[in-house]
């Protein structure tokens, strides 16, 4: 399945609908520190940190990519339930890793402590998983979450 990964700047009405479908089945821990999917989507679109995987003009997965000087953090990664286990999350992570590398930065995954899904994805992709305490979302060292697809 050829997935195109892009940073979402201006989400169309259809993109907004797709994003809601992506996060609809996500576990509650995925949204911390946001109040829910709407808060996560709005904040990530506003600060330009939302990346998404697109297939046939529809969004299948999304995540929050926070860019810092030496390290980029990928969190809140989720794939639509009907398209999970088809490599969408892996494609999103690989593309984020390539973008970070081109900027001279390392990509790390972020998730709250004890999230088995995040640990499994990090192990599968041989990536660093930073386990963080609940706190503000905008700074490294604070809580974010990831869910494999």
Foldseek 3Di string as FASTA:
>chain_A
DDKDKDQAQDADPQQVVLQCQQQVPPDPQQQPPAPGSVRVVVVQNVVRQKMFIDDPRGTFWIWGWADDQAEIETFSTTGRPVPAPVCRQVVNVVVSQVVQVVSNHGYEYEAAPPDPQVVVVCVVVVHHYDHADDDDDRDPRHHHHHGHD
